[in-house]
C-alpha atoms as a PDB file:
ATOM      1  CA  MET A   1     -46.302  22.868  97.000  1.00  0.00           C
ATOM      2  CA  SER A   2     -45.059  20.009  94.879  1.00  0.00           C
ATOM      3  CA  PRO A   3     -41.493  20.393  93.382  1.00  0.00           C
ATOM      4  CA  ASP A   4     -42.978  19.910  89.941  1.00  0.00           C
ATOM      5  CA  ASP A   5     -45.376  22.758  90.949  1.00  0.00           C
ATOM      6  CA  ARG A   6     -42.518  25.039  92.355  1.00  0.00           C
ATOM      7  CA  PHE A   7     -40.464  24.542  89.072  1.00  0.00           C
ATOM      8  CA  THR A   8     -43.307  25.534  87.033  1.00  0.00           C
ATOM      9  CA  ARG A   9     -44.345  28.308  89.133  1.00  0.00           C
ATOM     10  CA  ALA A  10     -40.535  29.599  88.915  1.00  0.00           C
ATOM     11  CA  LEU A  11     -40.702  29.325  85.278  1.00  0.00           C
ATOM     12  CA  GLU A  12     -44.181  31.471  85.139  1.00  0.00           C
ATOM     13  CA  LEU A  13     -42.449  34.087  87.309  1.00  0.00           C
ATOM     14  CA  ILE A  14     -39.628  34.358  84.978  1.00  0.00           C
ATOM     15  CA  ASP A  15     -41.861  34.108  81.709  1.00  0.00           C
ATOM     16  CA  ALA A  16     -43.784  37.159  83.299  1.00  0.00           C
ATOM     17  CA  ALA A  17     -41.151  39.211  84.199  1.00  0.00           C
ATOM     18  CA  ASN A  18     -39.201  38.658  80.614  1.00  0.00           C
ATOM     19  CA  ALA A  19     -42.629  39.736  79.086  1.00  0.00           C
ATOM     20  CA  ALA A  20     -42.803  42.903  80.031  1.00  0.00           C
ATOM     21  CA  ASP A  21     -39.782  43.440  78.076  1.00  0.00           C
ATOM     22  CA  PRO A  22     -40.437  46.464  75.765  1.00  0.00           C
ATOM     23  CA  HIS A  23     -38.751  45.173  73.061  1.00  0.00           C
ATOM     24  CA  VAL A  24     -40.762  43.101  70.684  1.00  0.00           C
ATOM     25  CA  VAL A  25     -39.626  41.206  68.277  1.00  0.00           C
ATOM     26  CA  GLU A  26     -41.819  39.244  65.114  1.00  0.00           C
ATOM     27  CA  HIS A  27     -42.087  35.701  65.943  1.00  0.00           C
ATOM     28  CA  ASP A  28     -44.535  33.105  64.641  1.00  0.00           C
ATOM     29  CA  GLY A  29     -46.748  35.653  62.890  1.00  0.00           C
ATOM     30  CA  GLY A  30     -46.776  37.946  65.931  1.00  0.00           C
ATOM     31  CA  PRO A  31     -45.214  40.074  68.057  1.00  0.00           C
ATOM     32  CA  GLN A  32     -43.363  38.594  71.405  1.00  0.00           C
ATOM     33  CA  ALA A  33     -41.109  40.579  74.221  1.00  0.00           C
ATOM     34  CA  LYS A  34     -37.539  39.932  73.037  1.00  0.00           C
ATOM     35  CA  ALA A  35     -36.355  38.644  76.639  1.00  0.00           C
ATOM     36  CA  LEU A  36     -38.901  36.473  76.659  1.00  0.00           C
ATOM     37  CA  LEU A  37     -38.623  34.747  73.737  1.00  0.00           C
ATOM     38  CA  GLU A  38     -34.311  34.478  74.197  1.00  0.00           C
ATOM     39  CA  GLY A  39     -35.159  32.722  77.902  1.00  0.00           C
ATOM     40  CA  GLN A  40     -37.451  30.206  75.972  1.00  0.00           C
ATOM     41  CA  ARG A  41     -34.621  29.621  72.967  1.00  0.00           C
ATOM     42  CA  VAL A  42     -31.899  29.257  75.483  1.00  0.00           C
ATOM     43  CA  SER A  43     -34.144  26.520  77.461  1.00  0.00           C
ATOM     44  CA  THR A  44     -35.245  24.650  74.310  1.00  0.00           C
ATOM     45  CA  TRP A  45     -31.081  24.333  73.245  1.00  0.00           C
ATOM     46  CA  LEU A  46     -30.202  23.157  76.799  1.00  0.00           C
ATOM     47  CA  VAL A  47     -32.938  20.788  77.002  1.00  0.00           C
ATOM     48  CA  ARG A  48     -31.883  19.407  73.269  1.00  0.00           C
ATOM     49  CA  LEU A  49     -28.326  19.602  74.210  1.00  0.00           C
ATOM     50  CA  TYR A  50     -28.336  18.199  77.920  1.00  0.00           C
ATOM     51  CA  PRO A  51     -31.930  16.366  78.414  1.00  0.00           C
ATOM     52  CA  GLN A  52     -30.510  15.523  81.923  1.00  0.00           C
ATOM     53  CA  ALA A  53     -30.260  18.792  82.566  1.00  0.00           C
ATOM     54  CA  SER A  54     -30.427  19.748  86.970  1.00  0.00           C
ATOM     55  CA  GLU A  55     -33.566  21.643  87.812  1.00  0.00           C
ATOM     56  CA  ALA A  56     -31.068  24.527  88.938  1.00  0.00           C
ATOM     57  CA  LEU A  57     -29.530  24.742  85.370  1.00  0.00           C
ATOM     58  CA  ARG A  58     -32.945  24.855  83.688  1.00  0.00           C
ATOM     59  CA  LEU A  59     -33.907  27.390  85.721  1.00  0.00           C
ATOM     60  CA  ALA A  60     -30.799  29.444  85.094  1.00  0.00           C
ATOM     61  CA  ALA A  61     -31.447  29.001  81.176  1.00  0.00           C
ATOM     62  CA  ARG A  62     -34.409  30.652  81.574  1.00  0.00           C
ATOM     63  CA  ALA A  63     -33.584  33.439  84.030  1.00  0.00           C
ATOM     64  CA  HIS A  64     -30.037  34.304  82.035  1.00  0.00           C
ATOM     65  CA  HIS A  65     -31.086  37.569  80.766  1.00  0.00           C
ATOM     66  CA  LEU A  66     -34.015  38.298  83.243  1.00  0.00           C
ATOM     67  CA  GLU A  67     -35.511  41.967  82.887  1.00  0.00           C
ATOM     68  CA  ARG A  68     -32.373  42.851  80.709  1.00  0.00           C
ATOM     69  CA  TRP A  69     -33.975  46.080  78.935  1.00  0.00           C
ATOM     70  CA  LYS A  70     -33.851  47.363  82.590  1.00  0.00           C
ATOM     71  CA  SER A  71     -29.966  48.158  82.360  1.00  0.00           C
ATOM     72  CA  PRO A  72     -29.200  49.068  78.846  1.00  0.00           C
ATOM     73  CA  ARG A  73     -25.587  49.527  77.414  1.00  0.00           C
ATOM     74  CA  SER A  74     -26.139  53.042  76.772  1.00  0.00           C
ATOM     75  CA  ASP A  75     -26.226  53.518  80.592  1.00  0.00           C
ATOM     76  CA  PHE A  76     -22.091  52.728  80.495  1.00  0.00           C
ATOM     77  CA  PRO A  77     -19.497  54.287  78.669  1.00  0.00           C
ATOM     78  CA  MET A  78     -19.300  52.931  75.383  1.00  0.00           C
ATOM     79  CA  THR A  79     -15.576  51.940  75.664  1.00  0.00           C
ATOM     80  CA  ARG A  80     -14.437  48.221  76.202  1.00  0.00           C
ATOM     81  CA  GLU A  81     -14.037  49.331  79.877  1.00  0.00           C
ATOM     82  CA  GLY A  82     -17.536  50.320  79.820  1.00  0.00           C
ATOM     83  CA  TYR A  83     -18.438  47.476  77.954  1.00  0.00           C
ATOM     84  CA  LEU A  84     -17.127  44.662  80.522  1.00  0.00           C
ATOM     85  CA  GLN A  85     -18.594  47.026  83.495  1.00  0.00           C
ATOM     86  CA  TRP A  86     -22.028  46.690  81.817  1.00  0.00           C
ATOM     87  CA  ARG A  87     -21.486  42.678  81.119  1.00  0.00           C
ATOM     88  CA  ALA A  88     -20.323  42.292  84.693  1.00  0.00           C
ATOM     89  CA  GLN A  89     -23.330  44.295  86.505  1.00  0.00           C
ATOM     90  CA  LEU A  90     -25.730  42.678  84.031  1.00  0.00           C
ATOM     91  CA  LYS A  91     -24.703  39.211  85.408  1.00  0.00           C
ATOM     92  CA  ARG A  92     -25.095  40.370  89.195  1.00  0.00           C
ATOM     93  CA  PHE A  93     -28.689  41.980  88.253  1.00  0.00           C
ATOM     94  CA  HIS A  94     -30.022  38.997  86.515  1.00  0.00           C
ATOM     95  CA  ALA A  95     -28.539  36.703  89.489  1.00  0.00           C
ATOM     96  CA  GLU A  96     -30.424  39.080  91.944  1.00  0.00           C
ATOM     97  CA  ARG A  97     -33.405  39.060  90.252  1.00  0.00           C
ATOM     98  CA  ALA A  98     -33.450  34.919  89.655  1.00  0.00           C
ATOM     99  CA  GLY A  99     -33.157  34.684  93.019  1.00  0.00           C
ATOM    100  CA  GLU A 100     -35.690  37.253  94.138  1.00  0.00           C
ATOM    101  CA  LEU A 101     -38.311  34.942  91.964  1.00  0.00           C
ATOM    102  CA  LEU A 102     -37.049  31.572  92.974  1.00  0.00           C
ATOM    103  CA  ALA A 103     -37.722  32.779  96.710  1.00  0.00           C
ATOM    104  CA  ALA A 104     -41.177  33.786  95.791  1.00  0.00           C
ATOM    105  CA  ALA A 105     -41.718  30.418  93.896  1.00  0.00           C
ATOM    106  CA  GLY A 106     -40.388  28.591  97.190  1.00  0.00           C
ATOM    107  CA  TYR A 107     -36.886  27.662  96.453  1.00  0.00           C
ATOM    108  CA  ASP A 108     -34.473  26.859  99.031  1.00  0.00           C
ATOM    109  CA  ALA A 109     -31.518  29.267  99.846  1.00  0.00           C
ATOM    110  CA  ASP A 110     -28.868  26.748  98.416  1.00  0.00           C
ATOM    111  CA  THR A 111     -30.633  26.297  95.254  1.00  0.00           C
ATOM    112  CA  ILE A 112     -31.204  29.832  94.653  1.00  0.00           C
ATOM    113  CA  ALA A 113     -27.518  30.706  95.281  1.00  0.00           C
ATOM    114  CA  ARG A 114     -26.732  27.627  92.595  1.00  0.00           C
ATOM    115  CA  VAL A 115     -29.059  29.282  89.882  1.00  0.00           C
ATOM    116  CA  GLN A 116     -27.403  32.677  90.856  1.00  0.00           C
ATOM    117  CA  ALA A 117     -23.812  30.977  90.446  1.00  0.00           C
ATOM    118  CA  LEU A 118     -24.730  29.914  86.868  1.00  0.00           C
ATOM    119  CA  VAL A 119     -26.340  32.987  85.827  1.00  0.00           C
ATOM    120  CA  ARG A 120     -23.306  34.714  86.728  1.00  0.00           C
ATOM    121  CA  ARG A 121     -21.439  31.550  84.636  1.00  0.00           C
ATOM    122  CA  GLU A 122     -18.835  31.756  87.473  1.00  0.00           C
ATOM    123  CA  LYS A 123     -16.177  29.017  86.772  1.00  0.00           C
ATOM    124  CA  LEU A 124     -16.631  28.866  83.038  1.00  0.00           C
ATOM    125  CA  LYS A 125     -14.733  25.487  81.833  1.00  0.00           C
ATOM    126  CA  LEU A 126     -14.366  24.266  85.495  1.00  0.00           C
ATOM    127  CA  ASP A 127     -17.998  23.731  85.841  1.00  0.00           C
ATOM    128  CA  ALA A 128     -19.834  21.496  83.526  1.00  0.00           C
ATOM    129  CA  GLU A 129     -23.474  23.083  84.327  1.00  0.00           C
ATOM    130  CA  VAL A 130     -21.954  26.323  83.696  1.00  0.00           C
ATOM    131  CA  GLN A 131     -20.140  25.174  80.517  1.00  0.00           C
ATOM    132  CA  ALA A 132     -23.570  23.646  79.549  1.00  0.00           C
ATOM    133  CA  LEU A 133     -25.515  26.974  79.946  1.00  0.00           C
ATOM    134  CA  GLU A 134     -22.942  29.071  77.796  1.00  0.00           C
ATOM    135  CA  ASP A 135     -23.088  26.138  74.830  1.00  0.00           C
ATOM    136  CA  ALA A 136     -27.142  26.892  75.274  1.00  0.00           C
ATOM    137  CA  ILE A 137     -26.783  30.903  74.871  1.00  0.00           C
ATOM    138  CA  CYS A 138     -24.078  30.851  72.242  1.00  0.00           C
ATOM    139  CA  LEU A 139     -26.389  28.054  70.034  1.00  0.00           C
ATOM    140  CA  ALA A 140     -29.308  30.478  70.526  1.00  0.00           C
ATOM    141  CA  PHE A 141     -27.531  33.491  69.538  1.00  0.00           C
ATOM    142  CA  LEU A 142     -26.096  31.520  66.610  1.00  0.00           C
ATOM    143  CA  GLN A 143     -29.467  30.419  65.273  1.00  0.00           C
ATOM    144  CA  HIS A 144     -31.726  33.395  65.687  1.00  0.00           C
ATOM    145  CA  ASP A 145     -29.940  36.308  66.383  1.00  0.00           C
ATOM    146  CA  PHE A 146     -26.234  36.253  64.467  1.00  0.00           C
ATOM    147  CA  ASP A 147     -27.291  37.392  61.421  1.00  0.00           C
ATOM    148  CA  ALA A 148     -29.144  41.059  62.597  1.00  0.00           C
ATOM    149  CA  PHE A 149     -26.164  41.023  64.782  1.00  0.00           C
ATOM    150  CA  GLY A 150     -23.631  40.726  62.329  1.00  0.00           C
ATOM    151  CA  ARG A 151     -25.110  42.945  59.622  1.00  0.00           C
ATOM    152  CA  GLN A 152     -25.132  45.899  62.441  1.00  0.00           C
ATOM    153  CA  HIS A 153     -21.047  45.732  62.633  1.00  0.00           C
ATOM    154  CA  ASP A 154     -17.803  45.738  60.558  1.00  0.00           C
ATOM    155  CA  ASP A 155     -17.056  41.870  59.590  1.00  0.00           C
ATOM    156  CA  ASP A 156     -13.744  41.917  61.534  1.00  0.00           C
ATOM    157  CA  LYS A 157     -15.824  43.051  64.386  1.00  0.00           C
ATOM    158  CA  VAL A 158     -18.011  40.233  64.350  1.00  0.00           C
ATOM    159  CA  ILE A 159     -15.353  37.533  63.208  1.00  0.00           C
ATOM    160  CA  ALA A 160     -13.410  38.782  66.394  1.00  0.00           C
ATOM    161  CA  ILE A 161     -16.634  38.053  68.327  1.00  0.00           C
ATOM    162  CA  VAL A 162     -17.309  34.682  66.776  1.00  0.00           C
ATOM    163  CA  ARG A 163     -13.765  33.603  67.882  1.00  0.00           C
ATOM    164  CA  LYS A 164     -14.310  34.460  71.126  1.00  0.00           C
ATOM    165  CA  THR A 165     -17.643  32.855  71.372  1.00  0.00           C
ATOM    166  CA  TRP A 166     -16.266  29.816  70.047  1.00  0.00           C
ATOM    167  CA  ALA A 167     -13.453  29.965  72.618  1.00  0.00           C
ATOM    168  CA  LYS A 168     -16.460  29.856  75.678  1.00  0.00           C
ATOM    169  CA  MET A 169     -18.096  26.909  73.848  1.00  0.00           C
ATOM    170  CA  SER A 170     -17.298  23.254  74.449  1.00  0.00           C
ATOM    171  CA  ALA A 171     -16.721  20.678  71.779  1.00  0.00           C
ATOM    172  CA  GLY A 172     -20.357  19.538  71.675  1.00  0.00           C
ATOM    173  CA  GLY A 173     -21.751  22.942  71.492  1.00  0.00           C
ATOM    174  CA  HIS A 174     -18.912  23.438  68.595  1.00  0.00           C
ATOM    175  CA  GLU A 175     -20.061  20.354  67.289  1.00  0.00           C
ATOM    176  CA  ALA A 176     -24.151  21.731  67.418  1.00  0.00           C
ATOM    177  CA  ALA A 177     -22.824  24.925  65.756  1.00  0.00           C
ATOM    178  CA  LEU A 178     -21.191  23.402  62.943  1.00  0.00           C
ATOM    179  CA  ALA A 179     -24.506  21.819  62.288  1.00  0.00           C
ATOM    180  CA  LEU A 180     -26.870  24.672  62.408  1.00  0.00           C
ATOM    181  CA  THR A 181     -28.441  25.449  59.189  1.00  0.00           C
ATOM    182  CA  LEU A 182     -27.074  29.204  58.875  1.00  0.00           C
ATOM    183  CA  SER A 183     -27.404  31.837  56.292  1.00  0.00           C
ATOM    184  CA  ASP A 184     -24.647  32.085  53.649  1.00  0.00           C
ATOM    185  CA  TYR A 185     -23.696  35.495  55.608  1.00  0.00           C
ATOM    186  CA  ALA A 186     -23.353  33.551  58.596  1.00  0.00           C
ATOM    187  CA  ARG A 187     -21.641  30.666  57.104  1.00  0.00           C
ATOM    188  CA  SER A 188     -18.857  33.048  55.659  1.00  0.00           C
ATOM    189  CA  ILE A 189     -18.560  34.745  58.729  1.00  0.00           C
ATOM    190  CA  VAL A 190     -17.986  31.591  60.897  1.00  0.00           C
ATOM    191  CA  GLY A 191     -16.011  29.931  58.418  1.00  0.00           C
ATOM    192  CA  ARG A 192     -13.566  32.853  58.309  1.00  0.00           C
ATOM    193  CA  ALA A 193     -13.403  33.417  62.072  1.00  0.00           C
ATOM    194  CA  LEU A 194     -12.414  29.419  62.340  1.00  0.00           C
ATOM    195  CA  GLY A 195      -9.775  29.818  59.691  1.00  0.00           C
ATOM    196  CA  GLY A 196     -11.596  27.761  56.816  1.00  0.00           C
END
């Protein structure tokens, strides 16, 4: 199998796994599996920001929330500690599943290990590829999911989350975020979070 065929096959496997998400959202006039759409959106942002992204990074972008619905937040205590446990478990789960699918597509152990480290977002701020992935994830969230998420929580909580998200992003990610066309609500919250 050629490298291009292997990459295409890996994306097909990841997309097929995410297409099984029982959570469906409206997109382009029809229903789409939420996990599938999220993987595609992060992939789009990654290529927009970093057109020369490595193959491992492009695979990690598509697999960053692989089969997320299989580990619901409700399985963990509804506390800060429970939230952190859930997030840590998710990163391990996504990385493990990505490794299984990449092995099925014919990837070598070193590439699989690199994709898994990216999916776990190890060494954020120290590893340029992890930072690139984090930027793409944050931008996809801000562009597509922020309004719905924000309206489910009080403003103070959302402002705190925006501040934490902003701290995880690079200067290039900040620039892209500020260039987004946001709703009045989102612009207000982001402005308040950034002190403006």
